[in-house]
Amino acid sequence: MASISLAISELTPGKPHKIEIAGKDVCVARIGDEVFAIGDVCTHSEASLSEGDISDYKIECWLHGAEFDLRDGKSLTPPATEDAEVFVVTRDGDTVTISLNS
């Protein structure tokens, strides 16, 4: 299973970050001390979610305003109807590891 580890200090709270794991773009978001990782592609328009805005536990696609729950990838508002892919995030002290699903 491919993964990447980051220091939590590399992630600005409330700001999405785009990382690549084994050729796959992943949107990583830190909210407080929690870190979430979902596919970086809006399921409606294929726009990069890491260019969107975060509010509470939601990320809004910058292109058409579709929102996704960062905790489970659920599509919350149209025009997106499909959920975003979710990735495993583990934390060990000040390090977070994001793993692609096997």
PDB file of N, CA and C in Angstrom:
ATOM      1  N   MET A   1       0.855  -1.175   0.000  1.00  0.00           N
ATOM      2  CA  MET A   1       0.000   0.000   0.000  1.00  0.00           C
ATOM      3  C   MET A   1       0.903   1.241   0.000  1.00  0.00           C
ATOM      4  N   ALA A   2       0.678   2.115  -0.958  1.00  0.00           N
ATOM      5  CA  ALA A   2       1.475   3.343  -1.057  1.00  0.00           C
ATOM      6  C   ALA A   2       1.030   4.342  -0.005  1.00  0.00           C
ATOM      7  N   SER A   3       1.999   5.080   0.536  1.00  0.00           N
ATOM      8  CA  SER A   3       1.670   6.077   1.556  1.00  0.00           C
ATOM      9  C   SER A   3       2.717   7.184   1.546  1.00  0.00           C
ATOM     10  N   ILE A   4       2.384   8.260   2.253  1.00  0.00           N
ATOM     11  CA  ILE A   4       3.305   9.371   2.438  1.00  0.00           C
ATOM     12  C   ILE A   4       3.139   9.880   3.865  1.00  0.00           C
ATOM     13  N   SER A   5       4.244  10.276   4.467  1.00  0.00           N
ATOM     14  CA  SER A   5       4.205  10.819   5.830  1.00  0.00           C
ATOM     15  C   SER A   5       4.607  12.283   5.800  1.00  0.00           C
ATOM     16  N   LEU A   6       3.914  13.074   6.625  1.00  0.00           N
ATOM     17  CA  LEU A   6       4.167  14.510   6.721  1.00  0.00           C
ATOM     18  C   LEU A   6       4.166  14.923   8.179  1.00  0.00           C
ATOM     19  N   ALA A   7       4.924  15.960   8.491  1.00  0.00           N
ATOM     20  CA  ALA A   7       4.815  16.569   9.814  1.00  0.00           C
ATOM     21  C   ALA A   7       3.515  17.357   9.836  1.00  0.00           C
ATOM     22  N   ILE A   8       2.752  17.243  10.900  1.00  0.00           N
ATOM     23  CA  ILE A   8       1.475  17.951  10.969  1.00  0.00           C
ATOM     24  C   ILE A   8       1.688  19.464  10.828  1.00  0.00           C
ATOM     25  N   SER A   9       2.843  19.957  11.214  1.00  0.00           N
ATOM     26  CA  SER A   9       3.142  21.389  11.096  1.00  0.00           C
ATOM     27  C   SER A   9       3.228  21.850   9.641  1.00  0.00           C
ATOM     28  N   GLU A  10       3.383  20.911   8.700  1.00  0.00           N
ATOM     29  CA  GLU A  10       3.410  21.254   7.269  1.00  0.00           C
ATOM     30  C   GLU A  10       2.019  21.586   6.739  1.00  0.00           C
ATOM     31  N   LEU A  11       0.986  21.243   7.494  1.00  0.00           N
ATOM     32  CA  LEU A  11      -0.393  21.438   7.050  1.00  0.00           C
ATOM     33  C   LEU A  11      -1.003  22.642   7.760  1.00  0.00           C
ATOM     34  N   THR A  12      -1.326  23.670   7.021  1.00  0.00           N
ATOM     35  CA  THR A  12      -1.948  24.863   7.585  1.00  0.00           C
ATOM     36  C   THR A  12      -3.403  24.562   7.908  1.00  0.00           C
ATOM     37  N   PRO A  13      -3.837  24.764   9.150  1.00  0.00           N
ATOM     38  CA  PRO A  13      -5.232  24.499   9.500  1.00  0.00           C
ATOM     39  C   PRO A  13      -6.196  25.315   8.629  1.00  0.00           C
ATOM     40  N   GLY A  14      -7.246  24.632   8.149  1.00  0.00           N
ATOM     41  CA  GLY A  14      -8.280  25.301   7.374  1.00  0.00           C
ATOM     42  C   GLY A  14      -7.923  25.560   5.927  1.00  0.00           C
ATOM     43  N   LYS A  15      -6.765  25.079   5.482  1.00  0.00           N
ATOM     44  CA  LYS A  15      -6.331  25.282   4.097  1.00  0.00           C
ATOM     45  C   LYS A  15      -6.076  23.918   3.455  1.00  0.00           C
ATOM     46  N   PRO A  16      -6.716  23.641   2.318  1.00  0.00           N
ATOM     47  CA  PRO A  16      -6.467  22.358   1.655  1.00  0.00           C
ATOM     48  C   PRO A  16      -5.081  22.315   1.009  1.00  0.00           C
ATOM     49  N   HIS A  17      -4.506  21.128   0.995  1.00  0.00           N
ATOM     50  CA  HIS A  17      -3.191  20.910   0.402  1.00  0.00           C
ATOM     51  C   HIS A  17      -3.294  19.764  -0.594  1.00  0.00           C
ATOM     52  N   LYS A  18      -2.637  19.905  -1.714  1.00  0.00           N
ATOM     53  CA  LYS A  18      -2.606  18.838  -2.713  1.00  0.00           C
ATOM     54  C   LYS A  18      -1.281  18.100  -2.599  1.00  0.00           C
ATOM     55  N   ILE A  19      -1.373  16.771  -2.459  1.00  0.00           N
ATOM     56  CA  ILE A  19      -0.172  15.939  -2.453  1.00  0.00           C
ATOM     57  C   ILE A  19      -0.387  14.821  -3.469  1.00  0.00           C
ATOM     58  N   GLU A  20       0.687  14.175  -3.837  1.00  0.00           N
ATOM     59  CA  GLU A  20       0.606  13.053  -4.767  1.00  0.00           C
ATOM     60  C   GLU A  20       1.163  11.809  -4.098  1.00  0.00           C
ATOM     61  N   ILE A  21       0.408  10.730  -4.215  1.00  0.00           N
ATOM     62  CA  ILE A  21       0.851   9.434  -3.694  1.00  0.00           C
ATOM     63  C   ILE A  21       0.735   8.433  -4.834  1.00  0.00           C
ATOM     64  N   ALA A  22       1.850   7.897  -5.255  1.00  0.00           N
ATOM     65  CA  ALA A  22       1.878   6.886  -6.316  1.00  0.00           C
ATOM     66  C   ALA A  22       1.077   7.330  -7.539  1.00  0.00           C
ATOM     67  N   GLY A  23       1.248   8.596  -7.929  1.00  0.00           N
ATOM     68  CA  GLY A  23       0.581   9.105  -9.119  1.00  0.00           C
ATOM     69  C   GLY A  23      -0.857   9.550  -8.922  1.00  0.00           C
ATOM     70  N   LYS A  24      -1.372   9.450  -7.708  1.00  0.00           N
ATOM     71  CA  LYS A  24      -2.752   9.847  -7.420  1.00  0.00           C
ATOM     72  C   LYS A  24      -2.746  11.154  -6.640  1.00  0.00           C
ATOM     73  N   ASP A  25      -3.570  12.122  -7.119  1.00  0.00           N
ATOM     74  CA  ASP A  25      -3.695  13.403  -6.416  1.00  0.00           C
ATOM     75  C   ASP A  25      -4.653  13.265  -5.243  1.00  0.00           C
ATOM     76  N   VAL A  26      -4.205  13.765  -4.090  1.00  0.00           N
ATOM     77  CA  VAL A  26      -4.958  13.657  -2.845  1.00  0.00           C
ATOM     78  C   VAL A  26      -5.085  15.048  -2.237  1.00  0.00           C
ATOM     79  N   CYS A  27      -6.280  15.380  -1.777  1.00  0.00           N
ATOM     80  CA  CYS A  27      -6.539  16.639  -1.075  1.00  0.00           C
ATOM     81  C   CYS A  27      -6.465  16.351   0.425  1.00  0.00           C
ATOM     82  N   VAL A  28      -5.534  17.021   1.100  1.00  0.00           N
ATOM     83  CA  VAL A  28      -5.332  16.820   2.533  1.00  0.00           C
ATOM     84  C   VAL A  28      -5.747  18.099   3.251  1.00  0.00           C
ATOM     85  N   ALA A  29      -6.508  17.929   4.319  1.00  0.00           N
ATOM     86  CA  ALA A  29      -6.982  19.089   5.068  1.00  0.00           C
ATOM     87  C   ALA A  29      -6.798  18.857   6.560  1.00  0.00           C
ATOM     88  N   ARG A  30      -6.303  19.898   7.226  1.00  0.00           N
ATOM     89  CA  ARG A  30      -6.156  19.864   8.679  1.00  0.00           C
ATOM     90  C   ARG A  30      -7.203  20.789   9.286  1.00  0.00           C
ATOM     91  N   ILE A  31      -7.962  20.230  10.219  1.00  0.00           N
ATOM     92  CA  ILE A  31      -8.942  21.010  10.972  1.00  0.00           C
ATOM     93  C   ILE A  31      -8.603  20.805  12.440  1.00  0.00           C
ATOM     94  N   GLY A  32      -8.068  21.838  13.061  1.00  0.00           N
ATOM     95  CA  GLY A  32      -7.580  21.682  14.431  1.00  0.00           C
ATOM     96  C   GLY A  32      -6.442  20.683  14.440  1.00  0.00           C
ATOM     97  N   ASP A  33      -6.566  19.644  15.247  1.00  0.00           N
ATOM     98  CA  ASP A  33      -5.555  18.597  15.291  1.00  0.00           C
ATOM     99  C   ASP A  33      -5.937  17.374  14.464  1.00  0.00           C
ATOM    100  N   GLU A  34      -7.050  17.452  13.732  1.00  0.00           N
ATOM    101  CA  GLU A  34      -7.490  16.347  12.893  1.00  0.00           C
ATOM    102  C   GLU A  34      -7.034  16.566  11.455  1.00  0.00           C
ATOM    103  N   VAL A  35      -6.699  15.472  10.774  1.00  0.00           N
ATOM    104  CA  VAL A  35      -6.279  15.538   9.379  1.00  0.00           C
ATOM    105  C   VAL A  35      -7.127  14.568   8.576  1.00  0.00           C
ATOM    106  N   PHE A  36      -7.580  15.033   7.401  1.00  0.00           N
ATOM    107  CA  PHE A  36      -8.441  14.243   6.523  1.00  0.00           C
ATOM    108  C   PHE A  36      -7.837  14.212   5.131  1.00  0.00           C
ATOM    109  N   ALA A  37      -8.103  13.144   4.392  1.00  0.00           N
ATOM    110  CA  ALA A  37      -7.590  13.023   3.026  1.00  0.00           C
ATOM    111  C   ALA A  37      -8.665  12.414   2.130  1.00  0.00           C
ATOM    112  N   ILE A  38      -8.978  13.137   1.052  1.00  0.00           N
ATOM    113  CA  ILE A  38      -9.939  12.648   0.060  1.00  0.00           C
ATOM    114  C   ILE A  38      -9.332  12.840  -1.324  1.00  0.00           C
ATOM    115  N   GLY A  39      -9.931  12.190  -2.314  1.00  0.00           N
ATOM    116  CA  GLY A  39      -9.481  12.371  -3.685  1.00  0.00           C
ATOM    117  C   GLY A  39      -9.537  13.845  -4.057  1.00  0.00           C
ATOM    118  N   ASP A  40      -8.553  14.307  -4.792  1.00  0.00           N
ATOM    119  CA  ASP A  40      -8.476  15.729  -5.136  1.00  0.00           C
ATOM    120  C   ASP A  40      -9.309  16.084  -6.361  1.00  0.00           C
ATOM    121  N   VAL A  41     -10.204  15.215  -6.752  1.00  0.00           N
ATOM    122  CA  VAL A  41     -11.001  15.453  -7.952  1.00  0.00           C
ATOM    123  C   VAL A  41     -12.473  15.558  -7.589  1.00  0.00           C
ATOM    124  N   CYS A  42     -13.088  16.696  -7.946  1.00  0.00           N
ATOM    125  CA  CYS A  42     -14.534  16.843  -7.772  1.00  0.00           C
ATOM    126  C   CYS A  42     -15.220  15.809  -8.651  1.00  0.00           C
ATOM    127  N   THR A  43     -16.153  15.077  -8.086  1.00  0.00           N
ATOM    128  CA  THR A  43     -16.817  14.011  -8.844  1.00  0.00           C
ATOM    129  C   THR A  43     -17.792  14.557  -9.875  1.00  0.00           C
ATOM    130  N   HIS A  44     -18.049  15.848  -9.860  1.00  0.00           N
ATOM    131  CA  HIS A  44     -18.919  16.464 -10.866  1.00  0.00           C
ATOM    132  C   HIS A  44     -18.119  16.977 -12.054  1.00  0.00           C
ATOM    133  N   SER A  45     -17.056  17.728 -11.780  1.00  0.00           N
ATOM    134  CA  SER A  45     -16.382  18.439 -12.871  1.00  0.00           C
ATOM    135  C   SER A  45     -14.912  18.080 -13.051  1.00  0.00           C
ATOM    136  N   GLU A  46     -14.390  17.228 -12.196  1.00  0.00           N
ATOM    137  CA  GLU A  46     -12.982  16.849 -12.206  1.00  0.00           C
ATOM    138  C   GLU A  46     -12.052  18.020 -11.890  1.00  0.00           C
ATOM    139  N   ALA A  47     -12.580  19.069 -11.252  1.00  0.00           N
ATOM    140  CA  ALA A  47     -11.757  20.183 -10.795  1.00  0.00           C
ATOM    141  C   ALA A  47     -11.000  19.763  -9.536  1.00  0.00           C
ATOM    142  N   SER A  48      -9.893  20.434  -9.262  1.00  0.00           N
ATOM    143  CA  SER A  48      -9.081  20.125  -8.090  1.00  0.00           C
ATOM    144  C   SER A  48      -9.742  20.654  -6.821  1.00  0.00           C
ATOM    145  N   LEU A  49     -10.092  19.745  -5.910  1.00  0.00           N
ATOM    146  CA  LEU A  49     -10.715  20.166  -4.654  1.00  0.00           C
ATOM    147  C   LEU A  49      -9.749  20.944  -3.769  1.00  0.00           C
ATOM    148  N   SER A  50      -8.454  20.707  -3.915  1.00  0.00           N
ATOM    149  CA  SER A  50      -7.491  21.415  -3.079  1.00  0.00           C
ATOM    150  C   SER A  50      -7.427  22.908  -3.400  1.00  0.00           C
ATOM    151  N   GLU A  51      -8.096  23.331  -4.441  1.00  0.00           N
ATOM    152  CA  GLU A  51      -8.188  24.759  -4.771  1.00  0.00           C
ATOM    153  C   GLU A  51      -9.454  25.374  -4.175  1.00  0.00           C
ATOM    154  N   GLY A  52     -10.250  24.568  -3.478  1.00  0.00           N
ATOM    155  CA  GLY A  52     -11.506  25.037  -2.912  1.00  0.00           C
ATOM    156  C   GLY A  52     -11.353  25.599  -1.510  1.00  0.00           C
ATOM    157  N   ASP A  53     -12.484  25.891  -0.903  1.00  0.00           N
ATOM    158  CA  ASP A  53     -12.523  26.468   0.443  1.00  0.00           C
ATOM    159  C   ASP A  53     -13.061  25.459   1.446  1.00  0.00           C
ATOM    160  N   ILE A  54     -12.520  25.533   2.674  1.00  0.00           N
ATOM    161  CA  ILE A  54     -12.956  24.661   3.762  1.00  0.00           C
ATOM    162  C   ILE A  54     -13.791  25.459   4.742  1.00  0.00           C
ATOM    163  N   SER A  55     -14.906  24.860   5.152  1.00  0.00           N
ATOM    164  CA  SER A  55     -15.759  25.437   6.183  1.00  0.00           C
ATOM    165  C   SER A  55     -16.252  24.281   7.045  1.00  0.00           C
ATOM    166  N   ASP A  56     -15.986  24.345   8.333  1.00  0.00           N
ATOM    167  CA  ASP A  56     -16.280  23.230   9.231  1.00  0.00           C
ATOM    168  C   ASP A  56     -15.574  21.991   8.687  1.00  0.00           C
ATOM    169  N   TYR A  57     -16.309  20.920   8.451  1.00  0.00           N
ATOM    170  CA  TYR A  57     -15.711  19.694   7.921  1.00  0.00           C
ATOM    171  C   TYR A  57     -16.056  19.503   6.447  1.00  0.00           C
ATOM    172  N   LYS A  58     -16.348  20.595   5.751  1.00  0.00           N
ATOM    173  CA  LYS A  58     -16.725  20.534   4.345  1.00  0.00           C
ATOM    174  C   LYS A  58     -15.683  21.241   3.491  1.00  0.00           C
ATOM    175  N   ILE A  59     -15.522  20.716   2.267  1.00  0.00           N
ATOM    176  CA  ILE A  59     -14.719  21.419   1.277  1.00  0.00           C
ATOM    177  C   ILE A  59     -15.620  21.700   0.093  1.00  0.00           C
ATOM    178  N   GLU A  60     -15.515  22.924  -0.424  1.00  0.00           N
ATOM    179  CA  GLU A  60     -16.341  23.348  -1.544  1.00  0.00           C
ATOM    180  C   GLU A  60     -15.482  23.425  -2.801  1.00  0.00           C
ATOM    181  N   CYS A  61     -15.957  22.784  -3.862  1.00  0.00           N
ATOM    182  CA  CYS A  61     -15.273  22.850  -5.148  1.00  0.00           C
ATOM    183  C   CYS A  61     -15.351  24.284  -5.668  1.00  0.00           C
ATOM    184  N   TRP A  62     -14.234  24.809  -6.082  1.00  0.00           N
ATOM    185  CA  TRP A  62     -14.147  26.197  -6.540  1.00  0.00           C
ATOM    186  C   TRP A  62     -14.885  26.431  -7.851  1.00  0.00           C
ATOM    187  N   LEU A  63     -15.121  25.379  -8.626  1.00  0.00           N
ATOM    188  CA  LEU A  63     -15.673  25.570  -9.966  1.00  0.00           C
ATOM    189  C   LEU A  63     -17.189  25.742  -9.989  1.00  0.00           C
ATOM    190  N   HIS A  64     -17.919  24.809  -9.343  1.00  0.00           N
ATOM    191  CA  HIS A  64     -19.384  24.874  -9.372  1.00  0.00           C
ATOM    192  C   HIS A  64     -20.034  24.845  -8.000  1.00  0.00           C
ATOM    193  N   GLY A  65     -19.230  24.830  -6.933  1.00  0.00           N
ATOM    194  CA  GLY A  65     -19.783  24.929  -5.590  1.00  0.00           C
ATOM    195  C   GLY A  65     -20.233  23.630  -4.950  1.00  0.00           C
ATOM    196  N   ALA A  66     -19.959  22.481  -5.556  1.00  0.00           N
ATOM    197  CA  ALA A  66     -20.303  21.208  -4.917  1.00  0.00           C
ATOM    198  C   ALA A  66     -19.515  21.083  -3.618  1.00  0.00           C
ATOM    199  N   GLU A  67     -20.155  20.540  -2.583  1.00  0.00           N
ATOM    200  CA  GLU A  67     -19.487  20.369  -1.289  1.00  0.00           C
ATOM    201  C   GLU A  67     -19.367  18.892  -0.940  1.00  0.00           C
ATOM    202  N   PHE A  68     -18.252  18.570  -0.268  1.00  0.00           N
ATOM    203  CA  PHE A  68     -17.980  17.209   0.169  1.00  0.00           C
ATOM    204  C   PHE A  68     -17.597  17.234   1.640  1.00  0.00           C
ATOM    205  N   ASP A  69     -18.025  16.208   2.384  1.00  0.00           N
ATOM    206  CA  ASP A  69     -17.644  16.059   3.784  1.00  0.00           C
ATOM    207  C   ASP A  69     -16.244  15.463   3.832  1.00  0.00           C
ATOM    208  N   LEU A  70     -15.324  16.153   4.463  1.00  0.00           N
ATOM    209  CA  LEU A  70     -13.942  15.685   4.539  1.00  0.00           C
ATOM    210  C   LEU A  70     -13.801  14.409   5.362  1.00  0.00           C
ATOM    211  N   ARG A  71     -14.734  14.166   6.260  1.00  0.00           N
ATOM    212  CA  ARG A  71     -14.632  12.996   7.135  1.00  0.00           C
ATOM    213  C   ARG A  71     -14.947  11.688   6.421  1.00  0.00           C
ATOM    214  N   ASP A  72     -15.881  11.727   5.475  1.00  0.00           N
ATOM    215  CA  ASP A  72     -16.289  10.483   4.817  1.00  0.00           C
ATOM    216  C   ASP A  72     -16.426  10.589   3.302  1.00  0.00           C
ATOM    217  N   GLY A  73     -16.103  11.762   2.736  1.00  0.00           N
ATOM    218  CA  GLY A  73     -16.155  11.946   1.292  1.00  0.00           C
ATOM    219  C   GLY A  73     -17.541  12.116   0.702  1.00  0.00           C
ATOM    220  N   LYS A  74     -18.564  12.132   1.544  1.00  0.00           N
ATOM    221  CA  LYS A  74     -19.942  12.211   1.046  1.00  0.00           C
ATOM    222  C   LYS A  74     -20.171  13.503   0.268  1.00  0.00           C
ATOM    223  N   SER A  75     -20.849  13.361  -0.865  1.00  0.00           N
ATOM    224  CA  SER A  75     -21.285  14.511  -1.642  1.00  0.00           C
ATOM    225  C   SER A  75     -22.454  15.139  -0.899  1.00  0.00           C
ATOM    226  N   LEU A  76     -22.345  16.431  -0.574  1.00  0.00           N
ATOM    227  CA  LEU A  76     -23.361  17.098   0.241  1.00  0.00           C
ATOM    228  C   LEU A  76     -24.296  17.985  -0.560  1.00  0.00           C
ATOM    229  N   THR A  77     -23.805  18.555  -1.659  1.00  0.00           N
ATOM    230  CA  THR A  77     -24.628  19.481  -2.441  1.00  0.00           C
ATOM    231  C   THR A  77     -24.420  19.253  -3.929  1.00  0.00           C
ATOM    232  N   PRO A  78     -25.466  19.529  -4.711  1.00  0.00           N
ATOM    233  CA  PRO A  78     -25.318  19.475  -6.169  1.00  0.00           C
ATOM    234  C   PRO A  78     -24.340  20.566  -6.625  1.00  0.00           C
ATOM    235  N   PRO A  79     -23.759  20.420  -7.750  1.00  0.00           N
ATOM    236  CA  PRO A  79     -24.124  19.463  -8.782  1.00  0.00           C
ATOM    237  C   PRO A  79     -23.479  18.085  -8.638  1.00  0.00           C
ATOM    238  N   ALA A  80     -22.594  17.872  -7.679  1.00  0.00           N
ATOM    239  CA  ALA A  80     -21.989  16.544  -7.488  1.00  0.00           C
ATOM    240  C   ALA A  80     -23.009  15.592  -6.884  1.00  0.00           C
ATOM    241  N   THR A  81     -23.025  14.368  -7.399  1.00  0.00           N
ATOM    242  CA  THR A  81     -23.927  13.343  -6.865  1.00  0.00           C
ATOM    243  C   THR A  81     -23.166  12.107  -6.389  1.00  0.00           C
ATOM    244  N   GLU A  82     -21.896  12.003  -6.759  1.00  0.00           N
ATOM    245  CA  GLU A  82     -21.071  10.872  -6.341  1.00  0.00           C
ATOM    246  C   GLU A  82     -20.121  11.316  -5.231  1.00  0.00           C
ATOM    247  N   ASP A  83     -19.843  10.413  -4.302  1.00  0.00           N
ATOM    248  CA  ASP A  83     -18.938  10.700  -3.196  1.00  0.00           C
ATOM    249  C   ASP A  83     -17.489  10.739  -3.674  1.00  0.00           C
ATOM    250  N   ALA A  84     -16.655  11.463  -2.937  1.00  0.00           N
ATOM    251  CA  ALA A  84     -15.218  11.500  -3.205  1.00  0.00           C
ATOM    252  C   ALA A  84     -14.551  10.302  -2.531  1.00  0.00           C
ATOM    253  N   GLU A  85     -13.455   9.870  -3.105  1.00  0.00           N
ATOM    254  CA  GLU A  85     -12.682   8.777  -2.519  1.00  0.00           C
ATOM    255  C   GLU A  85     -12.052   9.252  -1.210  1.00  0.00           C
ATOM    256  N   VAL A  86     -12.013   8.368  -0.218  1.00  0.00           N
ATOM    257  CA  VAL A  86     -11.452   8.706   1.097  1.00  0.00           C
ATOM    258  C   VAL A  86     -10.213   7.841   1.333  1.00  0.00           C
ATOM    259  N   PHE A  87      -9.200   8.441   1.959  1.00  0.00           N
ATOM    260  CA  PHE A  87      -7.961   7.728   2.225  1.00  0.00           C
ATOM    261  C   PHE A  87      -7.707   7.637   3.727  1.00  0.00           C
ATOM    262  N   VAL A  88      -6.964   6.620   4.105  1.00  0.00           N
ATOM    263  CA  VAL A  88      -6.663   6.366   5.511  1.00  0.00           C
ATOM    264  C   VAL A  88      -5.611   7.356   5.991  1.00  0.00           C
ATOM    265  N   VAL A  89      -5.905   8.004   7.118  1.00  0.00           N
ATOM    266  CA  VAL A  89      -4.945   8.918   7.750  1.00  0.00           C
ATOM    267  C   VAL A  89      -4.666   8.386   9.152  1.00  0.00           C
ATOM    268  N   THR A  90      -3.394   8.185   9.459  1.00  0.00           N
ATOM    269  CA  THR A  90      -3.004   7.773  10.811  1.00  0.00           C
ATOM    270  C   THR A  90      -2.040   8.823  11.359  1.00  0.00           C
ATOM    271  N   ARG A  91      -2.073   8.959  12.660  1.00  0.00           N
ATOM    272  CA  ARG A  91      -1.202   9.953  13.302  1.00  0.00           C
ATOM    273  C   ARG A  91      -0.368   9.276  14.374  1.00  0.00           C
ATOM    274  N   ASP A  92       0.911   9.617  14.370  1.00  0.00           N
ATOM    275  CA  ASP A  92       1.840   9.138  15.384  1.00  0.00           C
ATOM    276  C   ASP A  92       2.613  10.352  15.879  1.00  0.00           C
ATOM    277  N   GLY A  93       2.184  10.898  17.002  1.00  0.00           N
ATOM    278  CA  GLY A  93       2.812  12.114  17.517  1.00  0.00           C
ATOM    279  C   GLY A  93       2.552  13.282  16.590  1.00  0.00           C
ATOM    280  N   ASP A  94       3.628  13.876  16.081  1.00  0.00           N
ATOM    281  CA  ASP A  94       3.512  15.026  15.189  1.00  0.00           C
ATOM    282  C   ASP A  94       3.582  14.648  13.716  1.00  0.00           C
ATOM    283  N   THR A  95       3.481  13.361  13.426  1.00  0.00           N
ATOM    284  CA  THR A  95       3.554  12.883  12.045  1.00  0.00           C
ATOM    285  C   THR A  95       2.225  12.252  11.639  1.00  0.00           C
ATOM    286  N   VAL A  96       1.766  12.603  10.432  1.00  0.00           N
ATOM    287  CA  VAL A  96       0.575  11.965   9.874  1.00  0.00           C
ATOM    288  C   VAL A  96       1.003  11.182   8.643  1.00  0.00           C
ATOM    289  N   THR A  97       0.373  10.028   8.467  1.00  0.00           N
ATOM    290  CA  THR A  97       0.627   9.201   7.296  1.00  0.00           C
ATOM    291  C   THR A  97      -0.680   9.023   6.552  1.00  0.00           C
ATOM    292  N   ILE A  98      -0.650   9.305   5.252  1.00  0.00           N
ATOM    293  CA  ILE A  98      -1.821   9.142   4.395  1.00  0.00           C
ATOM    294  C   ILE A  98      -1.539   7.952   3.499  1.00  0.00           C
ATOM    295  N   SER A  99      -2.468   6.996   3.478  1.00  0.00           N
ATOM    296  CA  SER A  99      -2.273   5.758   2.726  1.00  0.00           C
ATOM    297  C   SER A  99      -3.363   5.584   1.685  1.00  0.00           C
ATOM    298  N   LEU A 100      -2.952   5.142   0.500  1.00  0.00           N
ATOM    299  CA  LEU A 100      -3.928   4.793  -0.518  1.00  0.00           C
ATOM    300  C   LEU A 100      -4.623   3.509  -0.104  1.00  0.00           C
ATOM    301  N   ASN A 101      -5.873   3.393  -0.465  1.00  0.00           N
ATOM    302  CA  ASN A 101      -6.617   2.176  -0.161  1.00  0.00           C
ATOM    303  C   ASN A 101      -6.055   1.044  -0.989  1.00  0.00           C
ATOM    304  N   SER A 102      -5.941  -0.120  -0.385  1.00  0.00           N
ATOM    305  CA  SER A 102      -5.384  -1.251  -1.128  1.00  0.00           C
ATOM    306  C   SER A 102      -6.484  -2.029  -1.812  1.00  0.00           C
TER     307      SER A 102
END
